[in-house]
Amino acid sequence: MPMVTSPQAAQIIDKTQRMVQYLVTEGKLKAIRITDRHIMLIDLDDLRATAAKEGYTFNEEIAAQFVN
């Protein structure tokens, strides 16, 4: 279960970090908050599924850079 941060997730789906945070707040994307400063980790499979559902592009090449 590879995880990425919200800025990394934003790069992968070509959206802003604020959009990723909005998706989490609205319950459309699962995330684990790891600090009180809104740092969160997002499972790549959940991000991939949400991107498909919302009609966003999921860039596998960028995702691979963050995992490897």
C-alpha atoms as a PDB file:
ATOM      1  CA  MET A   1       0.000   0.000   0.000  1.00  0.00           C
ATOM      2  CA  PRO A   2       2.200   2.875  -1.271  1.00  0.00           C
ATOM      3  CA  MET A   3       1.328   6.240   0.236  1.00  0.00           C
ATOM      4  CA  VAL A   4       1.941   9.805  -0.956  1.00  0.00           C
ATOM      5  CA  THR A   5       1.547  13.250   0.597  1.00  0.00           C
ATOM      6  CA  SER A   6      -1.132  15.675  -0.551  1.00  0.00           C
ATOM      7  CA  PRO A   7       1.346  17.768  -2.625  1.00  0.00           C
ATOM      8  CA  GLN A   8       2.516  14.582  -4.335  1.00  0.00           C
ATOM      9  CA  ALA A   9      -1.087  13.487  -4.907  1.00  0.00           C
ATOM     10  CA  ALA A  10      -1.809  16.873  -6.473  1.00  0.00           C
ATOM     11  CA  GLN A  11       1.060  16.400  -8.913  1.00  0.00           C
ATOM     12  CA  ILE A  12      -0.087  12.904  -9.808  1.00  0.00           C
ATOM     13  CA  ILE A  13      -3.630  14.013 -10.708  1.00  0.00           C
ATOM     14  CA  ASP A  14      -2.559  17.429 -12.068  1.00  0.00           C
ATOM     15  CA  LYS A  15      -4.675  19.390  -9.589  1.00  0.00           C
ATOM     16  CA  THR A  16      -3.820  21.817  -6.805  1.00  0.00           C
ATOM     17  CA  GLN A  17      -3.053  20.731  -3.273  1.00  0.00           C
ATOM     18  CA  ARG A  18      -6.154  22.653  -2.223  1.00  0.00           C
ATOM     19  CA  MET A  19      -8.256  20.459  -4.550  1.00  0.00           C
ATOM     20  CA  VAL A  20      -6.797  17.326  -2.986  1.00  0.00           C
ATOM     21  CA  GLN A  21      -7.621  18.685   0.467  1.00  0.00           C
ATOM     22  CA  TYR A  22     -11.144  19.497  -0.732  1.00  0.00           C
ATOM     23  CA  LEU A  23     -11.610  15.919  -1.968  1.00  0.00           C
ATOM     24  CA  VAL A  24     -10.536  14.648   1.456  1.00  0.00           C
ATOM     25  CA  THR A  25     -12.787  17.097   3.314  1.00  0.00           C
ATOM     26  CA  GLU A  26     -15.779  16.120   1.169  1.00  0.00           C
ATOM     27  CA  GLY A  27     -15.149  12.432   1.832  1.00  0.00           C
ATOM     28  CA  LYS A  28     -14.367  11.660  -1.800  1.00  0.00           C
ATOM     29  CA  LEU A  29     -10.765  10.674  -1.036  1.00  0.00           C
ATOM     30  CA  LYS A  30      -9.499   8.791   1.999  1.00  0.00           C
ATOM     31  CA  ALA A  31      -6.447  10.142   3.808  1.00  0.00           C
ATOM     32  CA  ILE A  32      -4.606   9.597   7.047  1.00  0.00           C
ATOM     33  CA  ARG A  33      -3.748  12.789   8.895  1.00  0.00           C
ATOM     34  CA  ILE A  34      -0.365  12.388  10.527  1.00  0.00           C
ATOM     35  CA  THR A  35      -0.003  15.803  12.199  1.00  0.00           C
ATOM     36  CA  ASP A  36      -2.105  18.728  13.365  1.00  0.00           C
ATOM     37  CA  ARG A  37      -0.594  20.799  10.550  1.00  0.00           C
ATOM     38  CA  HIS A  38      -2.775  19.074   7.949  1.00  0.00           C
ATOM     39  CA  ILE A  39      -0.039  16.764   6.712  1.00  0.00           C
ATOM     40  CA  MET A  40      -1.751  13.691   5.344  1.00  0.00           C
ATOM     41  CA  LEU A  41      -0.912  10.491   3.565  1.00  0.00           C
ATOM     42  CA  ILE A  42      -3.005   9.138   0.708  1.00  0.00           C
ATOM     43  CA  ASP A  43      -3.009   5.583  -0.566  1.00  0.00           C
ATOM     44  CA  LEU A  44      -2.189   5.479  -4.283  1.00  0.00           C
ATOM     45  CA  ASP A  45      -4.959   2.967  -4.999  1.00  0.00           C
ATOM     46  CA  ASP A  46      -7.508   5.289  -3.362  1.00  0.00           C
ATOM     47  CA  LEU A  47      -6.126   8.232  -5.336  1.00  0.00           C
ATOM     48  CA  ARG A  48      -6.312   6.233  -8.570  1.00  0.00           C
ATOM     49  CA  ALA A  49      -9.937   5.241  -7.882  1.00  0.00           C
ATOM     50  CA  THR A  50     -10.973   8.776  -6.940  1.00  0.00           C
ATOM     51  CA  ALA A  51      -9.265  10.224 -10.017  1.00  0.00           C
ATOM     52  CA  ALA A  52     -11.169   7.805 -12.239  1.00  0.00           C
ATOM     53  CA  LYS A  53     -14.464   8.546 -10.512  1.00  0.00           C
ATOM     54  CA  GLU A  54     -13.971  12.329 -10.710  1.00  0.00           C
ATOM     55  CA  GLY A  55     -12.692  12.256 -14.302  1.00  0.00           C
ATOM     56  CA  TYR A  56      -9.142  13.340 -13.456  1.00  0.00           C
ATOM     57  CA  THR A  57      -6.004  12.077 -15.126  1.00  0.00           C
ATOM     58  CA  PHE A  58      -3.821   9.793 -13.000  1.00  0.00           C
ATOM     59  CA  ASN A  59      -0.205   9.993 -14.129  1.00  0.00           C
ATOM     60  CA  GLU A  60       1.368   6.591 -13.476  1.00  0.00           C
ATOM     61  CA  GLU A  61       4.881   7.844 -14.320  1.00  0.00           C
ATOM     62  CA  ILE A  62       4.758  10.579 -11.707  1.00  0.00           C
ATOM     63  CA  ALA A  63       3.243   8.170  -9.168  1.00  0.00           C
ATOM     64  CA  ALA A  64       6.094   5.712  -9.776  1.00  0.00           C
ATOM     65  CA  GLN A  65       8.652   8.439  -9.013  1.00  0.00           C
ATOM     66  CA  PHE A  66       7.216   8.913  -5.526  1.00  0.00           C
ATOM     67  CA  VAL A  67       7.019   5.201  -4.765  1.00  0.00           C
ATOM     68  CA  ASN A  68      10.456   4.113  -5.958  1.00  0.00           C
END
